[in-house]
């Protein structure tokens, strides 16, 4: 009887190991949707949980169609040690990442290696008004230093710095192309981040500062036209916010509360 039980346990163990070894990558899609509140998912997932690839897309729309949000496919390699609470993962996408990104840690705490992610400017239109009217174009990159992430209950805290660079941005509402290049620095301190926006160069001048806390954005800034571009950019500036006069100069107030 003991021998039968031993063989039965070995068979069950072999079946479980086989299931884990070939757990399909498609299993990750619903997990990503749950963690992002249904905003993101994985499309056309191939391979296994341990070694696979997929594209990052928005939540499925009508007919279950997933639209890619980022260029290329992301491939990953995940160590089976995650079953013991040790996370070791490498993420790569030659079209979107400047180099592979490594994620090390445990089930609740991770360290993300420095990297750079290419973001399509056209994707900003999906954020709604006024960006869908402006239809921005240009090159957007998100760079970061080493990031330390910690999950506490339902809260995610981050330590580190990310920089959003918007280069040679344009709009279908403006004959001036490009309008300018901009940089937003985000200093993450636990559950919140301090934001600072500045203009690198261009005819459209943007500046401001704010805070992102618990998913809520508070930002106060202004938009103005560089000297000689006031008339050309007048209509587009009206779409960005409310017109005000500061020190005798017309500006557009950028307020998000």
Protein backbone atom coordinates (compact mmCIF):
# COMPACT_ATOMS: atom_id res chain seq x y z
CA UNK A 1 0.00 0.00 0.00
CA UNK A 2 2.83 2.37 0.88
CA UNK A 3 4.49 1.68 -2.48
CA UNK A 4 1.24 2.46 -4.31
CA UNK A 5 0.90 5.77 -2.45
CA UNK A 6 4.50 6.66 -3.23
CA UNK A 7 4.05 5.96 -6.93
CA UNK A 8 0.79 7.91 -6.90
CA UNK A 9 2.50 10.90 -5.31
CA UNK A 10 5.30 10.75 -7.89
CA UNK A 11 2.79 10.66 -10.73
CA UNK A 12 0.89 13.65 -9.32
CA UNK A 13 4.19 15.54 -8.87
CA UNK A 14 5.23 14.75 -12.45
CA UNK A 15 1.89 15.99 -13.78
CA UNK A 16 2.13 19.23 -11.78
CA UNK A 17 5.70 19.85 -12.97
CA UNK A 18 4.63 19.23 -16.58
CA UNK A 19 1.73 21.69 -16.24
CA UNK A 20 4.02 24.33 -14.73
CA UNK A 21 6.70 23.79 -17.37
CA UNK A 22 4.26 24.31 -20.23
CA UNK A 23 1.95 26.87 -18.62
CA UNK A 24 0.92 29.00 -21.65
CA UNK A 25 1.96 32.64 -21.92
CA UNK A 26 -1.69 33.55 -22.64
CA UNK A 27 -2.32 32.98 -18.93
CA UNK A 28 -0.54 36.28 -18.25
CA UNK A 29 -3.04 38.42 -20.20
CA UNK A 30 -5.84 38.37 -17.59
CA UNK A 31 -3.25 38.92 -14.85
CA UNK A 32 -1.95 42.09 -16.55
CA UNK A 33 -5.53 43.32 -17.05
CA UNK A 34 -6.30 42.77 -13.36
CA UNK A 35 -3.15 44.58 -12.19
CA UNK A 36 -3.80 47.60 -14.47
CA UNK A 37 -7.51 47.93 -13.82
CA UNK A 38 -8.39 46.67 -17.29
CA UNK A 39 -6.37 49.36 -19.10
CA UNK A 40 -3.64 47.09 -20.49
CA UNK A 41 -3.36 43.51 -21.66
CA UNK A 42 -1.03 41.20 -23.60
CA UNK A 43 -1.92 40.48 -27.21
CA UNK A 44 -0.99 37.42 -29.28
CA UNK A 45 0.88 35.86 -26.34
CA UNK A 46 3.12 33.00 -27.48
CA UNK A 47 5.34 30.54 -25.65
CA UNK A 48 5.14 29.74 -21.97
CA UNK A 49 5.05 31.57 -18.67
CA UNK A 50 8.82 31.03 -18.38
CA UNK A 51 9.84 31.97 -21.90
CA UNK A 52 7.44 33.78 -24.20
CA UNK A 53 6.53 36.93 -26.07
CA UNK A 54 3.55 39.23 -26.67
CA UNK A 55 2.70 42.78 -27.62
CA UNK A 56 1.36 45.29 -25.10
CA UNK A 57 -2.10 46.53 -25.99
CA UNK A 58 -5.14 48.27 -24.62
CA UNK A 59 -7.93 46.27 -23.06
CA UNK A 60 -9.92 44.34 -25.72
CA UNK A 61 -12.50 46.50 -27.47
CA UNK A 62 -15.57 45.54 -29.45
CA UNK A 63 -15.16 42.06 -30.86
CA UNK A 64 -12.31 41.31 -28.48
CA UNK A 65 -9.71 43.05 -30.69
CA UNK A 66 -6.53 44.13 -28.90
CA UNK A 67 -4.75 47.15 -30.42
CA UNK A 68 -0.94 47.43 -29.87
CA UNK A 69 0.06 50.47 -27.82
CA UNK A 70 3.83 50.04 -28.08
CA UNK A 71 6.00 49.07 -31.06
CA UNK A 72 7.32 45.53 -31.42
CA UNK A 73 6.90 42.43 -29.29
CA UNK A 74 8.16 42.06 -25.75
CA UNK A 75 9.93 38.79 -25.00
CA UNK A 76 10.65 37.56 -21.50
CA UNK A 77 12.57 34.93 -19.59
CA UNK A 78 11.35 34.17 -16.07
CA UNK A 79 13.26 31.97 -13.65
CA UNK A 80 11.27 29.09 -12.07
CA UNK A 81 12.70 30.26 -8.73
CA UNK A 82 9.68 32.60 -8.67
CA UNK A 83 7.78 29.60 -7.26
CA UNK A 84 10.03 29.89 -4.21
CA UNK A 85 9.54 33.64 -3.90
CA UNK A 86 12.64 34.79 -5.82
CA UNK A 87 11.93 36.89 -8.92
CA UNK A 88 14.50 37.00 -11.72
CA UNK A 89 13.25 38.17 -15.11
CA UNK A 90 14.67 39.64 -18.31
CA UNK A 91 12.49 41.70 -20.65
CA UNK A 92 13.52 42.61 -24.19
CA UNK A 93 12.06 44.38 -27.23
CA UNK A 94 14.59 45.69 -29.79
CA UNK A 95 11.99 48.04 -31.30
CA UNK A 96 10.95 49.69 -28.02
CA UNK A 97 13.74 49.15 -25.47
CA UNK A 98 17.26 50.49 -25.86
CA UNK A 99 18.55 47.41 -24.02
CA UNK A 100 17.10 44.43 -22.14
CA UNK A 101 15.64 45.25 -18.74
CA UNK A 102 16.23 43.03 -15.71
CA UNK A 103 13.81 42.71 -12.81
CA UNK A 104 15.09 41.15 -9.58
CA UNK A 105 13.45 40.73 -6.20
CA UNK A 106 10.70 38.84 -4.40
CA UNK A 107 6.93 38.54 -4.69
CA UNK A 108 6.41 41.98 -3.14
CA UNK A 109 9.62 43.93 -3.80
CA UNK A 110 11.48 44.42 -7.08
CA UNK A 111 14.43 46.31 -8.50
CA UNK A 112 14.26 47.36 -12.16
CA UNK A 113 17.50 48.00 -14.03
CA UNK A 114 17.99 51.33 -15.88
CA UNK A 115 16.44 51.55 -19.32
CA UNK A 116 14.81 53.56 -22.09
CA UNK A 117 11.40 52.93 -23.67
CA UNK A 118 10.20 54.36 -26.99
CA UNK A 119 6.58 55.53 -26.92
CA UNK A 120 4.53 56.41 -30.04
CA UNK A 121 3.25 59.98 -29.90
CA UNK A 122 0.07 58.93 -31.70
CA UNK A 123 -0.89 56.95 -28.60
CA UNK A 124 -1.41 60.21 -26.68
CA UNK A 125 -4.62 60.80 -28.64
CA UNK A 126 -6.16 57.93 -26.72
CA UNK A 127 -5.96 59.98 -23.51
CA UNK A 128 -8.91 62.10 -24.63
CA UNK A 129 -9.42 65.86 -24.97
CA UNK A 130 -7.61 67.99 -25.89
CA UNK A 131 -4.96 65.52 -27.09
CA UNK A 132 -7.34 63.70 -29.41
CA UNK A 133 -8.06 67.02 -31.15
CA UNK A 134 -4.42 68.07 -31.28
CA UNK A 135 -3.34 64.67 -32.73
CA UNK A 136 0.29 64.99 -31.56
CA UNK A 137 3.23 63.61 -33.51
CA UNK A 138 6.90 63.28 -32.69
CA UNK A 139 9.25 61.04 -30.73
CA UNK A 140 8.62 60.20 -27.08
CA UNK A 141 11.07 58.35 -24.86
CA UNK A 142 10.78 57.33 -21.23
CA UNK A 143 14.11 56.81 -19.46
CA UNK A 144 14.72 55.75 -15.89
CA UNK A 145 17.52 55.03 -13.48
CA UNK A 146 17.40 52.03 -11.13
CA UNK A 147 13.85 51.81 -9.77
CA UNK A 148 12.90 50.18 -6.48
CA UNK A 149 9.28 49.00 -6.34
CA UNK A 150 7.44 47.80 -3.25
CA UNK A 151 3.91 46.44 -3.08
CA UNK A 152 2.11 46.99 0.22
CA UNK A 153 -1.40 45.60 0.29
CA UNK A 154 -3.04 47.39 -2.68
CA UNK A 155 -0.49 50.22 -2.88
CA UNK A 156 2.60 50.32 -5.08
CA UNK A 157 5.48 52.57 -4.03
CA UNK A 158 8.41 53.60 -6.26
CA UNK A 159 11.82 55.08 -5.52
CA UNK A 160 13.83 56.57 -8.38
CA UNK A 161 13.63 59.02 -11.28
CA UNK A 162 11.95 58.81 -14.68
CA UNK A 163 12.32 61.33 -17.50
CA UNK A 164 9.78 61.73 -20.30
CA UNK A 165 11.40 63.33 -23.35
CA UNK A 166 9.16 64.65 -26.13
CA UNK A 167 11.26 65.53 -29.17
CA UNK A 168 10.19 67.45 -32.29
CA UNK A 169 6.52 67.39 -31.34
CA UNK A 170 3.90 68.50 -33.87
CA UNK A 171 0.14 68.77 -34.19
CA UNK A 172 -2.39 68.71 -37.01
CA UNK A 173 -3.75 71.96 -35.54
CA UNK A 174 -0.54 73.86 -36.24
CA UNK A 175 1.29 74.68 -39.49
CA UNK A 176 4.52 74.94 -37.50
CA UNK A 177 6.36 71.62 -37.49
CA UNK A 178 7.91 70.85 -35.18
CA UNK A 179 6.38 72.89 -32.39
CA UNK A 180 9.16 72.10 -29.96
CA UNK A 181 10.89 69.62 -27.69
CA UNK A 182 10.04 69.15 -24.01
CA UNK A 183 11.11 67.26 -20.93
CA UNK A 184 9.12 66.12 -17.89
CA UNK A 185 11.10 64.87 -14.90
CA UNK A 186 9.35 62.67 -12.33
CA UNK A 187 11.06 62.10 -8.99
CA UNK A 188 9.38 59.15 -7.31
CA UNK A 189 9.22 59.10 -3.51
CA UNK A 190 7.15 56.15 -2.39
CA UNK A 191 3.46 56.54 -3.31
CA UNK A 192 3.95 59.92 -4.99
CA UNK A 193 6.06 61.65 -7.63
CA UNK A 194 7.07 65.30 -8.07
CA UNK A 195 6.67 66.49 -11.68
CA UNK A 196 8.52 69.28 -13.47
CA UNK A 197 7.91 70.24 -17.11
CA UNK A 198 10.22 72.44 -19.17
CA UNK A 199 10.73 73.44 -22.79
CA UNK A 200 14.02 72.39 -24.37
CA UNK A 201 13.44 74.42 -27.54
CA UNK A 202 10.63 75.44 -29.87
CA UNK A 203 7.91 77.93 -30.79
CA UNK A 204 5.42 76.58 -28.23
CA UNK A 205 6.69 77.16 -24.70
CA UNK A 206 5.45 74.82 -21.96
CA UNK A 207 6.37 74.83 -18.27
CA UNK A 208 4.92 73.79 -14.94
CA UNK A 209 5.13 71.52 -11.93
CA UNK A 210 2.89 69.21 -9.98
CA UNK A 211 2.47 65.92 -8.20
CA UNK A 212 1.20 62.44 -8.98
CA UNK A 213 -0.16 60.75 -5.86
CA UNK A 214 -2.19 57.55 -5.59
CA UNK A 215 -2.97 57.74 -9.32
CA UNK A 216 -4.24 61.33 -9.07
CA UNK A 217 -2.51 64.10 -11.03
CA UNK A 218 -2.20 67.65 -9.75
CA UNK A 219 -0.42 69.97 -12.14
CA UNK A 220 -0.15 73.72 -12.58
CA UNK A 221 1.61 75.19 -15.59
CA UNK A 222 1.41 77.52 -18.53
CA UNK A 223 1.67 77.55 -22.31
CA UNK A 224 2.79 80.54 -24.34
CA UNK A 225 3.99 81.26 -27.85
CA UNK A 226 7.57 82.31 -28.42
CA UNK A 227 8.12 85.80 -29.74
CA UNK A 228 6.91 86.09 -33.32
CA UNK A 229 4.57 83.07 -33.13
CA UNK A 230 1.67 84.58 -31.14
CA UNK A 231 -0.72 84.88 -34.09
CA UNK A 232 0.23 81.58 -35.71
CA UNK A 233 -0.30 79.55 -32.53
CA UNK A 234 -3.32 81.47 -31.24
CA UNK A 235 -6.00 78.95 -32.19
CA UNK A 236 -4.06 75.97 -30.90
CA UNK A 237 -3.28 77.65 -27.59
CA UNK A 238 -6.99 78.19 -27.00
CA UNK A 239 -7.47 74.41 -27.08
CA UNK A 240 -4.96 73.83 -24.30
CA UNK A 241 -6.59 75.79 -21.49
CA UNK A 242 -7.91 79.10 -20.22
CA UNK A 243 -6.33 82.34 -21.35
CA UNK A 244 -4.98 84.60 -18.62
CA UNK A 245 -2.84 87.74 -18.35
CA UNK A 246 0.30 87.51 -16.20
CA UNK A 247 2.60 90.52 -15.92
CA UNK A 248 0.97 92.03 -18.98
CA UNK A 249 1.54 88.91 -21.12
CA UNK A 250 -1.12 86.52 -22.40
CA UNK A 251 -0.63 82.93 -21.31
CA UNK A 252 -2.67 79.74 -21.32
CA UNK A 253 -3.12 78.21 -17.87
CA UNK A 254 -2.59 74.44 -17.74
CA UNK A 255 -4.43 73.17 -14.67
CA UNK A 256 -5.14 69.55 -13.72
CA UNK A 257 -6.71 68.88 -10.33
